[in-house]
Amino acid sequence: MKNLLKILEDGKLLLSPTDTIWGILCDATNAYAVDKVYQLKKRSDSKAMICMVSDLEMLKKYIPKLPVNIKKYIYCDRPTTVILSNPIAIASNAIAEEKTVAIRIVNHHFCTPLISAFGKPLISTSANLSGHDHPKKYADISEEIISGVDYIIKQDIDKVNDKVSRIIKLEKTGKTTLIRA
């Protein structure tokens, strides 16, 4: 685990299974690392990426004013990413123009302990070039992505997972908008 924490601290990229699909992970507080993800994916930096946190306490550190009904969405059976306003201490290039961030409390045997040990959120974006299909298993990941990351987590390599997270925008007022079912 120490070597993975050092990789993240150094602004490098991991390729890893997550609670949804295979993802490219990096320190969400490091603008340099976030920029490397945009470059690798050939993705416009106007498209924000998802951040993963380990628990509600970590979420509160980065979104101090949570909507009252947030627990209904972050603790449901399906991985759910919530778009929230006014994040703090997240890299500016990981925040959307309207000052929002897409964030999820991850429930995964590898990612949750990694994020907890790292103590900061991680960017998690699908392990594909922008505009291409997301990989359902490790074998679907392009060589360009594989060669562009600094370290590959070799767990669950043969596992097929084609479920992306549901995305919901949650206003401070409690108004909810479904972005991706």
Protein backbone atom coordinates (compact mmCIF):
# COMPACT_ATOMS: atom_id res chain seq x y z
CA MET A 1 0.00 0.00 0.00
CA LYS A 2 2.90 2.39 0.77
CA ASN A 3 4.08 2.35 -2.84
CA LEU A 4 0.56 3.18 -4.09
CA LEU A 5 0.28 6.11 -1.70
CA LYS A 6 3.67 7.38 -2.93
CA ILE A 7 2.51 7.06 -6.55
CA LEU A 8 -0.58 9.15 -5.77
CA GLU A 9 1.40 11.71 -3.73
CA ASP A 10 3.79 12.09 -6.69
CA GLY A 11 0.88 13.04 -9.00
CA LYS A 12 0.99 9.80 -10.94
CA LEU A 13 -1.88 7.77 -12.41
CA LEU A 14 -3.28 4.38 -11.41
CA LEU A 15 -5.39 2.02 -13.52
CA SER A 16 -7.77 0.17 -11.26
CA PRO A 17 -11.06 -1.66 -10.95
CA THR A 18 -13.61 0.36 -8.97
CA ASP A 19 -17.09 -0.20 -7.59
CA THR A 20 -18.32 0.39 -11.14
CA ILE A 21 -16.04 0.07 -14.19
CA TRP A 22 -12.25 0.15 -14.63
CA GLY A 23 -10.96 3.64 -13.97
CA ILE A 24 -8.00 5.94 -14.18
CA LEU A 25 -7.33 7.24 -10.68
CA CYS A 26 -5.30 10.16 -9.36
CA ASP A 27 -5.17 12.64 -6.49
CA ALA A 28 -8.23 14.89 -6.88
CA THR A 29 -6.46 17.71 -5.04
CA ASN A 30 -3.49 17.80 -7.43
CA ALA A 31 -4.20 19.90 -10.56
CA TYR A 32 -1.09 18.52 -12.30
CA ALA A 33 -2.31 14.92 -11.84
CA VAL A 34 -5.84 15.81 -12.96
CA ASP A 35 -4.41 17.47 -16.08
CA LYS A 36 -2.46 14.28 -16.87
CA VAL A 37 -5.76 12.36 -16.86
CA TYR A 38 -7.36 14.84 -19.29
CA GLN A 39 -4.34 14.55 -21.58
CA LEU A 40 -4.27 10.74 -21.47
CA LYS A 41 -7.98 10.46 -22.22
CA LYS A 42 -7.79 13.23 -24.87
CA ARG A 43 -10.73 14.78 -23.07
CA SER A 44 -11.74 18.41 -22.99
CA ASP A 45 -11.05 19.92 -19.58
CA SER A 46 -14.52 21.49 -19.71
CA LYS A 47 -15.90 18.02 -18.89
CA ALA A 48 -15.49 17.48 -15.16
CA MET A 49 -14.62 14.04 -13.79
CA ILE A 50 -15.90 12.05 -10.83
CA CYS A 51 -14.21 12.16 -7.42
CA MET A 52 -14.37 9.21 -5.05
CA VAL A 53 -14.24 9.57 -1.26
CA SER A 54 -14.04 6.82 1.34
CA ASP A 55 -16.81 7.89 3.71
CA LEU A 56 -19.20 10.64 4.81
CA GLU A 57 -16.57 12.31 7.01
CA MET A 58 -14.22 12.72 4.04
CA LEU A 59 -17.11 14.02 1.94
CA LYS A 60 -17.83 16.69 4.59
CA LYS A 61 -14.20 17.89 4.44
CA TYR A 62 -14.58 18.73 0.75
CA ILE A 63 -18.28 19.70 0.66
CA PRO A 64 -18.88 21.43 4.00
CA LYS A 65 -22.52 22.36 3.30
CA LEU A 66 -24.26 19.13 2.37
CA PRO A 67 -27.94 19.01 1.37
CA VAL A 68 -30.17 17.56 4.09
CA ASN A 69 -31.33 14.61 1.96
CA ILE A 70 -27.84 13.52 0.83
CA LYS A 71 -27.81 10.23 2.80
CA LYS A 72 -30.75 8.97 0.75
CA TYR A 73 -28.49 8.98 -2.32
CA ILE A 74 -25.03 8.18 -1.02
CA TYR A 75 -26.05 5.06 0.86
CA CYS A 76 -28.31 3.39 -1.69
CA ASP A 77 -27.75 -0.08 -3.18
CA ARG A 78 -26.45 1.21 -6.50
CA PRO A 79 -23.25 3.26 -6.83
CA THR A 80 -24.53 6.83 -7.06
CA THR A 81 -22.49 9.89 -7.92
CA VAL A 82 -23.91 13.14 -6.62
CA ILE A 83 -23.19 16.53 -8.16
CA LEU A 84 -22.77 19.03 -5.35
CA SER A 85 -22.01 22.75 -5.18
CA ASN A 86 -19.08 24.67 -3.77
CA PRO A 87 -16.39 22.06 -3.15
CA ILE A 88 -13.25 23.12 -1.31
CA ALA A 89 -9.66 21.88 -1.59
CA ILE A 90 -10.34 19.99 -4.84
CA ALA A 91 -8.10 20.79 -7.82
CA SER A 92 -9.68 23.63 -9.81
CA ASN A 93 -9.54 21.61 -13.04
CA ALA A 94 -11.64 18.89 -11.38
CA ILE A 95 -14.44 21.38 -10.65
CA ALA A 96 -17.08 22.20 -13.25
CA GLU A 97 -17.58 25.79 -14.46
CA GLU A 98 -20.69 26.17 -12.31
CA LYS A 99 -18.59 25.41 -9.19
CA THR A 100 -19.84 21.85 -8.77
CA VAL A 101 -18.14 18.51 -8.35
CA ALA A 102 -19.39 15.00 -9.11
CA ILE A 103 -18.54 12.93 -6.04
CA ARG A 104 -19.27 9.40 -4.80
CA ILE A 105 -18.68 7.52 -1.59
CA VAL A 106 -17.12 4.39 -2.99
CA ASN A 107 -17.87 0.95 -1.61
CA HIS A 108 -15.14 -1.27 -3.03
CA HIS A 109 -12.72 -3.80 -1.51
CA PHE A 110 -9.69 -2.04 -3.02
CA CYS A 111 -10.63 1.61 -3.59
CA THR A 112 -12.20 2.34 -0.21
CA PRO A 113 -9.15 1.34 1.87
CA LEU A 114 -6.82 3.06 -0.62
CA ILE A 115 -8.72 6.36 -0.39
CA SER A 116 -8.96 6.06 3.37
CA ALA A 117 -5.20 5.49 3.70
CA PHE A 118 -4.46 8.32 1.23
CA GLY A 119 -6.72 10.68 3.17
CA LYS A 120 -7.85 12.62 0.10
CA PRO A 121 -10.37 12.05 -2.70
CA LEU A 122 -9.33 10.38 -5.92
CA ILE A 123 -10.39 11.22 -9.43
CA SER A 124 -12.04 8.22 -11.04
CA THR A 125 -12.80 8.36 -14.72
CA SER A 126 -13.49 5.53 -17.13
CA ALA A 127 -10.34 3.89 -18.51
CA ASN A 128 -10.98 4.82 -22.13
CA LEU A 129 -10.14 7.53 -24.60
CA SER A 130 -12.78 10.25 -24.70
CA GLY A 131 -15.67 9.30 -26.96
CA HIS A 132 -14.87 5.56 -26.91
CA ASP A 133 -16.84 2.86 -25.10
CA HIS A 134 -15.95 2.33 -21.47
CA PRO A 135 -14.18 -0.96 -20.74
CA LYS A 136 -16.30 -3.75 -19.25
CA LYS A 137 -13.18 -5.68 -18.24
CA TYR A 138 -9.43 -5.15 -18.17
CA ALA A 139 -8.95 -6.78 -21.60
CA ASP A 140 -11.13 -4.03 -23.15
CA ILE A 141 -8.74 -1.24 -22.11
CA SER A 142 -6.74 0.22 -24.99
CA GLU A 143 -2.97 -0.07 -25.10
CA GLU A 144 -2.77 3.73 -25.20
CA ILE A 145 -4.45 3.95 -21.79
CA ILE A 146 -2.46 1.04 -20.34
CA SER A 147 0.86 2.53 -21.43
CA GLY A 148 -0.17 6.01 -20.26
CA VAL A 149 -0.67 5.16 -16.58
CA ASP A 150 2.08 4.73 -14.02
CA TYR A 151 0.78 1.64 -12.22
CA ILE A 152 -1.86 -1.04 -12.83
CA ILE A 153 -3.80 -2.69 -10.01
CA LYS A 154 -3.93 -6.35 -11.01
CA GLN A 155 -7.08 -7.27 -9.06
CA ASP A 156 -10.32 -8.43 -10.67
CA ILE A 157 -8.69 -8.55 -14.11
CA ASP A 158 -11.17 -11.12 -15.46
CA LYS A 159 -14.23 -9.67 -13.75
CA VAL A 160 -16.81 -8.12 -16.10
CA ASN A 161 -18.46 -4.97 -14.81
CA ASP A 162 -20.45 -2.83 -17.22
CA LYS A 163 -22.39 -0.75 -14.70
CA VAL A 164 -21.52 2.92 -14.50
CA SER A 165 -22.71 4.95 -11.55
CA ARG A 166 -26.04 6.71 -11.52
CA ILE A 167 -25.50 10.49 -11.48
CA ILE A 168 -27.79 12.85 -9.61
CA LYS A 169 -27.52 16.60 -9.22
CA LEU A 170 -28.56 17.60 -5.73
CA GLU A 171 -29.29 21.26 -4.93
CA LYS A 172 -28.94 22.72 -1.44
CA THR A 173 -32.72 23.11 -1.46
CA GLY A 174 -33.09 19.35 -1.82
CA LYS A 175 -34.17 19.53 -5.46
CA THR A 176 -32.92 16.45 -7.29
CA THR A 177 -32.22 16.08 -11.01
CA LEU A 178 -31.36 12.71 -12.56
CA ILE A 179 -28.41 13.18 -14.95
CA ARG A 180 -27.63 9.53 -15.75
CA ALA A 181 -29.91 6.64 -14.81
